Amino acid sequence: MILVGKTQTQQNNRKYYTRDNGMVYWRGDFFDTPEQGACTPQAYLVEQPPQIVNPTHFHAQNQFQLFTDGEGSFGRQQVTPYMIHYAGAYTGYGPIVSGNTSLNYITFRALKDPGAQFLPEKKAHLKIGPKNHFEAPLPLLSAQVLSQLAQNECHWVKPPSPDGLAIALYRITGDNRMQVELPPASIGFFAVVLQGQIEHQGDLLGRHENLFISSGVPAFSLHAARGAAEILTLHFPPTDAAYLDA
């Protein structure tokens, strides 16, 4: 399975949501999520208006969040672009608080999630099992350094773990290709354009546009188009056995 996430689709799907706890936000999905299959991926942009609190919560699925624009706080630390955050299934995180501008972040999942479970209200739904949390700023190259790259590079932000979790930055020289290294246990990955453009089957993808590639695709190469590109890859572990229904 390969799915393409385009900005135009995200903008067409953009809707405003309000919650009883005071959380308000815009959400726009990059593609329609399949209802069935080994993977049912989700990718959507959240635009959180100024001075809004997204309370501490958890999800039933593993997920990444990429902070793309604005400023605010995440838990006890300040957050600005570009920061990547991973939370395993049933791992609490937050709150996410926007500052004086809108705080925008893209959520990525390999498996569809039923929605946020806020704490402490939903504490009884927090299943016992391993908790996994990771966050880090992304060491992006300057546009000038990227344009002057002499050869392709792969920088591991989080090297592959035995369960398939991994994060990498691929830096590809103009109009060249680079094969993605696939952690054996991963069920799939997102490739997210951060700088430049990539080409996929004749379609150009620019900033924040993305691809989901399931583990059923045996090999996948990223193709920089019209200059050098820097692409983030987010590799998903399967849902831990402790959280699978008997």
Protein backbone atom coordinates (compact mmCIF):
# COMPACT_ATOMS: atom_id res chain seq x y z
CA MET A 1 0.00 0.00 0.00
CA ILE A 2 1.16 3.49 -0.90
CA LEU A 3 -0.99 6.53 -0.05
CA VAL A 4 -0.27 10.12 -1.10
CA GLY A 5 -0.98 13.04 1.24
CA LYS A 6 -1.45 16.35 -0.58
CA THR A 7 -1.88 19.87 0.82
CA GLN A 8 -4.85 20.56 -1.43
CA THR A 9 -6.66 17.52 0.00
CA GLN A 10 -5.81 18.65 3.52
CA GLN A 11 -7.23 22.11 2.85
CA ASN A 12 -10.38 20.66 1.28
CA ASN A 13 -10.92 18.52 4.40
CA ARG A 14 -10.22 21.34 6.88
CA LYS A 15 -12.92 21.54 9.61
CA TYR A 16 -13.33 23.38 12.90
CA TYR A 17 -13.87 21.34 16.10
CA THR A 18 -14.80 22.28 19.66
CA ARG A 19 -14.62 20.12 22.78
CA ASP A 20 -16.32 20.46 26.16
CA ASN A 21 -12.93 20.86 27.86
CA GLY A 22 -12.22 24.11 25.99
CA MET A 23 -10.02 22.63 23.27
CA VAL A 24 -10.79 24.15 19.86
CA TYR A 25 -8.86 23.46 16.66
CA TRP A 26 -8.89 23.12 12.90
CA ARG A 27 -8.21 19.67 11.46
CA GLY A 28 -7.51 18.74 7.86
CA ASP A 29 -6.78 15.16 6.72
CA PHE A 30 -4.19 14.65 3.98
CA PHE A 31 -6.04 11.63 2.57
CA ASP A 32 -9.05 9.40 3.21
CA THR A 33 -8.16 6.66 5.67
CA PRO A 34 -8.93 3.08 4.51
CA GLU A 35 -11.46 1.36 6.76
CA GLN A 36 -9.90 -2.10 6.49
CA GLY A 37 -6.54 -3.71 5.91
CA ALA A 38 -3.29 -4.48 7.69
CA CYS A 39 -2.71 -0.69 7.87
CA THR A 40 -5.34 2.04 8.13
CA PRO A 41 -3.07 5.12 8.19
CA GLN A 42 -3.99 8.64 9.24
CA ALA A 43 -2.21 11.94 8.54
CA TYR A 44 -3.81 15.24 9.50
CA LEU A 45 -2.80 18.79 10.31
CA VAL A 46 -4.02 20.32 13.59
CA GLU A 47 -4.09 24.12 13.76
CA GLN A 48 -4.42 25.05 17.44
CA PRO A 49 -5.37 28.76 17.86
CA PRO A 50 -3.44 31.06 20.24
CA GLN A 51 -3.72 30.51 24.01
CA ILE A 52 -5.55 27.17 23.73
CA VAL A 53 -4.80 24.11 25.88
CA ASN A 54 -4.95 20.59 24.49
CA PRO A 55 -5.12 18.68 27.81
CA THR A 56 -3.04 15.63 28.72
CA HIS A 57 -4.41 12.54 26.98
CA PHE A 58 -3.55 9.22 25.35
CA HIS A 59 -4.48 7.23 22.26
CA ALA A 60 -5.06 3.55 21.53
CA GLN A 61 -2.53 3.55 18.67
CA ASN A 62 1.13 4.42 18.21
CA GLN A 63 1.62 7.88 16.73
CA PHE A 64 4.06 10.59 15.71
CA GLN A 65 3.44 14.33 15.89
CA LEU A 66 5.50 16.80 13.89
CA PHE A 67 5.37 20.42 15.11
CA THR A 68 5.54 22.53 11.94
CA ASP A 69 4.60 26.15 12.72
CA GLY A 70 4.09 28.51 15.66
CA GLU A 71 5.21 28.26 19.26
CA GLY A 72 3.96 27.03 22.60
CA SER A 73 4.71 24.38 25.18
CA PHE A 74 4.58 20.61 25.26
CA GLY A 75 4.45 19.27 28.78
CA ARG A 76 7.09 21.27 30.65
CA GLN A 77 9.17 22.34 27.67
CA GLN A 78 8.92 25.01 25.01
CA VAL A 79 8.24 23.77 21.50
CA THR A 80 8.98 25.36 18.14
CA PRO A 81 9.35 23.92 14.62
CA TYR A 82 10.63 21.40 13.86
CA MET A 83 10.18 19.01 16.78
CA ILE A 84 9.15 15.38 16.44
CA HIS A 85 7.25 13.53 19.16
CA TYR A 86 6.41 9.84 19.43
CA ALA A 87 3.90 8.38 21.86
CA GLY A 88 3.22 4.66 21.99
CA ALA A 89 -0.27 3.31 22.44
CA TYR A 90 -1.79 4.06 25.86
CA THR A 91 1.05 6.45 26.73
CA GLY A 92 -0.14 9.73 28.21
CA TYR A 93 1.36 13.00 27.00
CA GLY A 94 0.74 16.75 27.10
CA PRO A 95 -0.67 19.20 27.70
CA ILE A 96 -0.01 20.98 24.40
CA VAL A 97 -0.44 24.73 24.91
CA SER A 98 -0.31 27.24 22.05
CA GLY A 99 1.42 30.57 22.64
CA ASN A 100 0.69 33.94 21.05
CA THR A 101 0.33 32.38 17.60
CA SER A 102 -1.36 29.29 16.24
CA LEU A 103 0.57 26.10 17.03
CA ASN A 104 0.40 23.65 14.15
CA TYR A 105 1.32 19.97 14.18
CA ILE A 106 0.75 16.97 11.94
CA THR A 107 -0.33 13.67 13.49
CA PHE A 108 0.73 10.45 11.77
CA ARG A 109 -0.53 6.93 12.52
CA ALA A 110 -0.22 3.61 10.73
CA LEU A 111 -3.48 2.42 12.31
CA LYS A 112 -6.68 4.42 12.72
CA ASP A 113 -7.37 5.68 16.24
CA PRO A 114 -10.85 6.23 17.75
CA GLY A 115 -9.85 9.59 19.29
CA ALA A 116 -8.17 11.27 22.25
CA GLN A 117 -8.80 9.89 25.74
CA PHE A 118 -8.35 12.79 28.16
CA LEU A 119 -6.83 12.41 31.60
CA PRO A 120 -7.74 12.07 34.38
CA GLU A 121 -11.33 11.55 33.13
CA LYS A 122 -10.45 8.43 31.09
CA LYS A 123 -7.85 6.99 33.46
CA ALA A 124 -9.89 3.79 33.82
CA HIS A 125 -9.40 3.19 30.06
CA LEU A 126 -5.60 3.42 30.32
CA LYS A 127 -4.52 -0.18 29.75
CA ILE A 128 -1.60 -1.80 31.53
CA GLY A 129 1.38 -2.35 29.27
CA PRO A 130 4.66 -0.81 28.05
CA LYS A 131 4.79 2.98 27.72
CA ASN A 132 6.96 4.55 25.05
CA HIS A 133 7.70 8.24 24.59
CA PHE A 134 10.32 10.08 22.54
CA GLU A 135 10.83 13.67 21.43
CA ALA A 136 13.64 15.55 19.75
CA PRO A 137 14.33 18.66 17.67
CA LEU A 138 15.08 17.85 14.04
CA PRO A 139 18.56 18.92 12.87
CA LEU A 140 17.51 20.26 9.47
CA LEU A 141 20.15 21.62 7.13
CA SER A 142 20.03 25.24 6.02
CA ALA A 143 18.68 25.71 2.50
CA GLN A 144 22.16 26.75 1.35
CA VAL A 145 23.92 23.72 2.83
CA LEU A 146 21.24 21.40 1.44
CA SER A 147 21.65 22.86 -2.06
CA GLN A 148 25.43 22.28 -1.89
CA LEU A 149 25.34 18.62 -0.82
CA ALA A 150 27.86 16.55 -2.72
CA GLN A 151 26.21 13.19 -1.98
CA ASN A 152 23.09 11.70 -0.44
CA GLU A 153 22.92 11.36 3.35
CA CYS A 154 20.79 9.49 5.90
CA HIS A 155 20.80 10.90 9.43
CA TRP A 156 19.15 8.75 12.09
CA VAL A 157 17.30 10.93 14.61
CA LYS A 158 16.31 7.69 16.35
CA PRO A 159 18.09 4.56 15.07
CA PRO A 160 15.91 1.49 14.47
CA SER A 161 14.86 -0.38 17.59
CA PRO A 162 14.05 -4.11 17.66
CA ASP A 163 10.30 -3.38 17.56
CA GLY A 164 10.59 -1.32 14.34
CA LEU A 165 10.44 2.22 15.72
CA ALA A 166 12.79 4.61 13.90
CA ILE A 167 13.11 8.22 12.71
CA ALA A 168 15.45 9.39 9.95
CA LEU A 169 16.23 12.42 7.79
CA TYR A 170 17.10 11.69 4.15
CA ARG A 171 19.06 14.41 2.37
CA ILE A 172 19.08 13.82 -1.36
CA THR A 173 21.01 15.78 -3.95
CA GLY A 174 19.18 17.33 -6.89
CA ASP A 175 17.28 14.91 -9.14
CA ASN A 176 18.76 11.84 -7.46
CA ARG A 177 17.26 8.85 -5.68
CA MET A 178 17.89 7.18 -2.35
CA GLN A 179 16.50 3.88 -1.11
CA VAL A 180 14.86 3.99 2.31
CA GLU A 181 16.31 1.66 4.94
CA LEU A 182 13.43 -0.39 6.36
CA PRO A 183 13.54 -1.64 9.97
CA PRO A 184 12.50 -5.30 9.67
CA ALA A 185 9.81 -5.20 12.38
CA SER A 186 8.14 -1.98 11.18
CA ILE A 187 4.60 -2.21 9.75
CA GLY A 188 5.10 0.85 7.55
CA PHE A 189 6.42 4.39 7.41
CA PHE A 190 5.60 7.94 6.42
CA ALA A 191 7.92 10.01 4.23
CA VAL A 192 7.33 13.74 4.88
CA VAL A 193 8.86 16.46 2.72
CA LEU A 194 10.49 19.16 4.85
CA GLN A 195 12.56 20.94 2.20
CA GLY A 196 12.50 20.81 -1.58
CA GLN A 197 10.30 18.44 -3.56
CA ILE A 198 10.07 14.75 -4.30
CA GLU A 199 8.47 12.99 -7.25
CA HIS A 200 6.21 9.95 -6.98
CA GLN A 201 4.67 8.42 -10.09
CA GLY A 202 4.71 11.74 -11.91
CA ASP A 203 3.28 13.70 -8.96
CA LEU A 204 5.35 16.42 -7.25
CA LEU A 205 5.15 16.64 -3.45
CA GLY A 206 6.31 19.76 -1.60
CA ARG A 207 6.62 21.01 1.99
CA HIS A 208 4.68 18.86 4.50
CA GLU A 209 3.15 16.68 1.81
CA ASN A 210 3.70 13.01 2.50
CA LEU A 211 3.56 9.37 1.52
CA PHE A 212 2.58 6.33 3.56
CA ILE A 213 4.31 3.11 2.52
CA SER A 214 3.26 -0.14 4.17
CA SER A 215 5.62 -3.02 4.92
CA GLY A 216 4.06 -4.91 2.01
CA VAL A 217 6.11 -2.71 -0.32
CA PRO A 218 9.49 -4.55 -0.41
CA ALA A 219 11.69 -1.58 -1.41
CA PHE A 220 11.08 2.12 -1.79
CA SER A 221 13.26 4.93 -3.14
CA LEU A 222 12.80 8.66 -2.57
CA HIS A 223 13.35 10.79 -5.66
CA ALA A 224 14.36 14.45 -5.19
CA ALA A 225 12.95 16.62 -7.98
CA ARG A 226 13.99 20.06 -9.23
CA GLY A 227 16.81 20.36 -6.72
CA ALA A 228 17.90 18.83 -3.43
CA ALA A 229 15.36 17.68 -0.84
CA GLU A 230 15.24 16.80 2.86
CA ILE A 231 12.68 14.16 3.82
CA LEU A 232 11.65 12.86 7.23
CA THR A 233 10.82 9.17 7.56
CA LEU A 234 8.73 7.90 10.49
CA HIS A 235 8.77 4.11 10.97
CA PHE A 236 6.02 2.46 13.02
CA PRO A 237 6.25 -0.55 15.31
CA PRO A 238 3.22 -2.86 15.45
CA THR A 239 0.76 -2.45 18.31
CA ASP A 240 2.23 -4.11 21.40
CA ALA A 241 0.67 -7.49 22.20
CA ALA A 242 -0.40 -6.19 25.63
CA TYR A 243 -2.90 -3.89 23.93
CA LEU A 244 -4.40 -6.35 21.46
CA ASP A 245 -7.88 -7.58 22.28
CA ALA A 246 -8.03 -11.27 23.03
